[in-house]
Amino acid sequence: MPGKTEQDQMEIEKQIAWVKSRLDAEGLHYVEVPAPVLISIPSLEIDGELDLDLWLSFVRSKIGGDLTKGYFFRHAENASDGGQMYVYDHLRPETQHLLLWGEGATDQPFSWEDTFEWSHVAWSDGWDYGDDYCCSERITFLLRELNYKLVDLPPAP
């Protein structure tokens, strides 16, 4: 990639390899494509872009309809990223609507009162986390959102 040092290029290759290994572990077929996308995931895309509804269906499949679980994720390469979490809307459980929690603060415990709706306008081929840590927005998105664990949630109010 132009303007990148050899060390930068090695870090990028490491990040892409990590994303590929996570996609393999999740059973998601991917295809390597030219920059800026680098990795295409046909089952999660419409017209070559990651689709929000398809992504959220993937997240729901991990939570498995369990209102007591959250999909907690944070950037795999950025230790200062406190993470965020998708949780079911406890006020409308029948809809399987997801809310988001967390703004990246590492010392804040989960609170149902701090969950929020996101703006769909902010979605463009994934949430824009910037590309400070990688080579493309798509790879940065996947580095963050595929680095997840399911966590137990406190009872909803």
Protein backbone atom coordinates (compact mmCIF):
# COMPACT_ATOMS: atom_id res chain seq x y z
CA MET A 1 0.00 0.00 0.00
CA PRO A 2 1.40 3.41 -0.94
CA GLY A 3 2.84 5.54 1.86
CA LYS A 4 3.20 2.60 4.26
CA THR A 5 6.50 1.53 5.77
CA GLU A 6 7.58 -2.10 5.77
CA GLN A 7 6.61 -2.31 9.45
CA ASP A 8 3.18 -0.79 8.66
CA GLN A 9 2.70 -3.32 5.88
CA MET A 10 3.60 -6.19 8.21
CA GLU A 11 1.08 -4.92 10.79
CA ILE A 12 -1.61 -4.63 8.11
CA GLU A 13 -0.92 -8.18 6.94
CA LYS A 14 -1.16 -9.38 10.55
CA GLN A 15 -4.51 -7.61 11.00
CA ILE A 16 -5.90 -9.02 7.75
CA ALA A 17 -4.74 -12.51 8.76
CA TRP A 18 -6.52 -12.09 12.13
CA VAL A 19 -9.75 -11.05 10.38
CA LYS A 20 -9.52 -14.02 8.00
CA SER A 21 -8.99 -16.42 10.91
CA ARG A 22 -12.07 -15.02 12.70
CA LEU A 23 -14.17 -15.28 9.53
CA ASP A 24 -13.03 -18.88 9.14
CA ALA A 25 -13.87 -19.59 12.80
CA GLU A 26 -17.35 -18.11 12.30
CA GLY A 27 -17.88 -20.14 9.12
CA LEU A 28 -18.24 -16.98 7.02
CA HIS A 29 -17.03 -17.39 3.44
CA TYR A 30 -14.90 -14.47 2.26
CA VAL A 31 -13.09 -13.44 -0.89
CA GLU A 32 -10.00 -11.27 -1.11
CA VAL A 33 -10.64 -8.20 -3.28
CA PRO A 34 -8.65 -5.09 -4.21
CA ALA A 35 -8.27 -2.11 -1.86
CA PRO A 36 -9.95 -0.35 -0.21
CA VAL A 37 -12.29 -3.21 0.79
CA LEU A 38 -9.69 -6.06 0.84
CA ILE A 39 -12.14 -8.71 2.08
CA SER A 40 -15.61 -9.34 0.68
CA ILE A 41 -18.12 -11.37 2.72
CA PRO A 42 -20.93 -12.13 0.23
CA SER A 43 -23.38 -13.45 2.85
CA LEU A 44 -23.23 -10.10 4.71
CA GLU A 45 -23.24 -7.79 1.68
CA ILE A 46 -25.66 -6.18 -0.71
CA ASP A 47 -24.17 -4.63 -3.83
CA GLY A 48 -20.64 -5.08 -2.47
CA GLU A 49 -21.22 -3.25 0.83
CA LEU A 50 -21.78 -4.70 4.28
CA ASP A 51 -25.49 -4.55 5.03
CA LEU A 52 -26.64 -3.44 8.49
CA ASP A 53 -29.60 -5.85 8.65
CA LEU A 54 -27.43 -8.79 7.58
CA TRP A 55 -24.76 -7.83 10.13
CA LEU A 56 -27.34 -7.55 12.92
CA SER A 57 -28.76 -10.95 11.91
CA PHE A 58 -25.25 -12.35 12.40
CA VAL A 59 -25.07 -10.72 15.87
CA ARG A 60 -28.54 -12.05 16.76
CA SER A 61 -27.44 -15.54 15.72
CA LYS A 62 -24.61 -15.32 18.26
CA ILE A 63 -26.83 -14.07 21.09
CA GLY A 64 -29.35 -16.74 20.14
CA GLY A 65 -32.44 -14.91 21.35
CA ASP A 66 -31.19 -14.92 24.95
CA LEU A 67 -32.24 -11.65 26.60
CA THR A 68 -29.72 -12.26 29.39
CA LYS A 69 -26.70 -12.16 27.03
CA GLY A 70 -24.85 -9.36 25.34
CA TYR A 71 -22.49 -9.36 22.34
CA PHE A 72 -19.51 -7.44 23.77
CA PHE A 73 -16.87 -6.35 21.25
CA ARG A 74 -13.74 -4.23 21.13
CA HIS A 75 -10.88 -3.55 18.74
CA ALA A 76 -8.50 -6.51 18.64
CA GLU A 77 -5.44 -4.29 18.22
CA ASN A 78 -6.28 -1.30 20.43
CA ALA A 79 -5.96 -1.94 24.17
CA SER A 80 -7.47 1.45 25.04
CA ASP A 81 -10.77 0.55 23.33
CA GLY A 82 -13.13 -0.15 26.21
CA GLY A 83 -15.62 -1.80 23.93
CA GLN A 84 -19.31 -1.71 23.18
CA MET A 85 -22.11 -4.24 23.33
CA TYR A 86 -25.22 -5.19 21.41
CA VAL A 87 -28.13 -6.19 23.67
CA TYR A 88 -31.78 -6.98 23.02
CA ASP A 89 -34.22 -4.19 23.74
CA HIS A 90 -35.61 -5.42 27.06
CA LEU A 91 -38.70 -3.20 26.64
CA ARG A 92 -39.60 -4.87 23.32
CA PRO A 93 -38.19 -8.41 23.57
CA GLU A 94 -40.63 -9.84 21.03
CA THR A 95 -39.09 -7.68 18.29
CA GLN A 96 -35.52 -8.97 18.78
CA HIS A 97 -34.49 -5.33 18.27
CA LEU A 98 -30.92 -4.62 19.29
CA LEU A 99 -29.65 -1.64 21.23
CA LEU A 100 -26.08 -0.55 21.74
CA TRP A 101 -24.24 0.08 25.00
CA GLY A 102 -20.89 1.68 25.64
CA GLU A 103 -18.90 4.54 24.29
CA GLY A 104 -15.51 2.97 24.81
CA ALA A 105 -15.11 3.74 28.53
CA THR A 106 -13.15 0.91 30.15
CA ASP A 107 -14.28 1.49 33.72
CA GLN A 108 -18.04 1.78 33.26
CA PRO A 109 -20.18 -1.20 34.31
CA PHE A 110 -23.11 -2.16 32.11
CA SER A 111 -26.37 -0.36 32.82
CA TRP A 112 -29.67 -0.87 31.00
CA GLU A 113 -30.29 2.87 31.34
CA ASP A 114 -27.19 3.56 29.21
CA THR A 115 -28.33 1.53 26.19
CA PHE A 116 -29.23 3.53 23.11
CA GLU A 117 -30.43 3.43 19.53
CA TRP A 118 -27.88 4.19 16.88
CA SER A 119 -28.39 6.23 13.77
CA HIS A 120 -28.59 4.12 10.64
CA VAL A 121 -27.08 7.09 8.82
CA ALA A 122 -23.80 6.30 10.58
CA TRP A 123 -23.67 2.93 8.76
CA SER A 124 -21.69 2.89 5.56
CA ASP A 125 -20.17 -0.50 4.81
CA GLY A 126 -19.93 -1.02 8.58
CA TRP A 127 -19.77 1.48 11.42
CA ASP A 128 -17.10 4.07 10.76
CA TYR A 129 -14.44 3.48 13.40
CA GLY A 130 -11.87 5.35 11.34
CA ASP A 131 -8.79 3.73 9.93
CA ASP A 132 -6.24 4.86 12.51
CA TYR A 133 -5.26 1.28 13.27
CA CYS A 134 -5.47 -0.33 9.86
CA CYS A 135 -5.64 -0.04 6.12
CA SER A 136 -9.39 0.24 5.49
CA GLU A 137 -12.64 1.02 7.25
CA ARG A 138 -13.90 -2.49 6.47
CA ILE A 139 -10.92 -4.18 8.10
CA THR A 140 -11.10 -1.82 11.10
CA PHE A 141 -14.81 -2.62 11.50
CA LEU A 142 -14.13 -6.36 11.36
CA LEU A 143 -11.14 -6.11 13.73
CA ARG A 144 -13.49 -4.57 16.26
CA GLU A 145 -16.78 -6.37 15.78
CA LEU A 146 -15.42 -9.89 15.29
CA ASN A 147 -13.40 -9.60 18.50
CA TYR A 148 -16.38 -10.43 20.69
CA LYS A 149 -17.51 -12.48 23.61
CA LEU A 150 -20.96 -13.22 24.95
CA VAL A 151 -21.45 -11.81 28.43
CA ASP A 152 -24.10 -12.27 31.09
CA LEU A 153 -26.26 -9.22 31.68
CA PRO A 154 -27.86 -8.13 34.94
CA PRO A 155 -31.64 -8.52 35.13
CA ALA A 156 -33.53 -5.89 33.15
CA PRO A 157 -35.45 -3.36 35.23
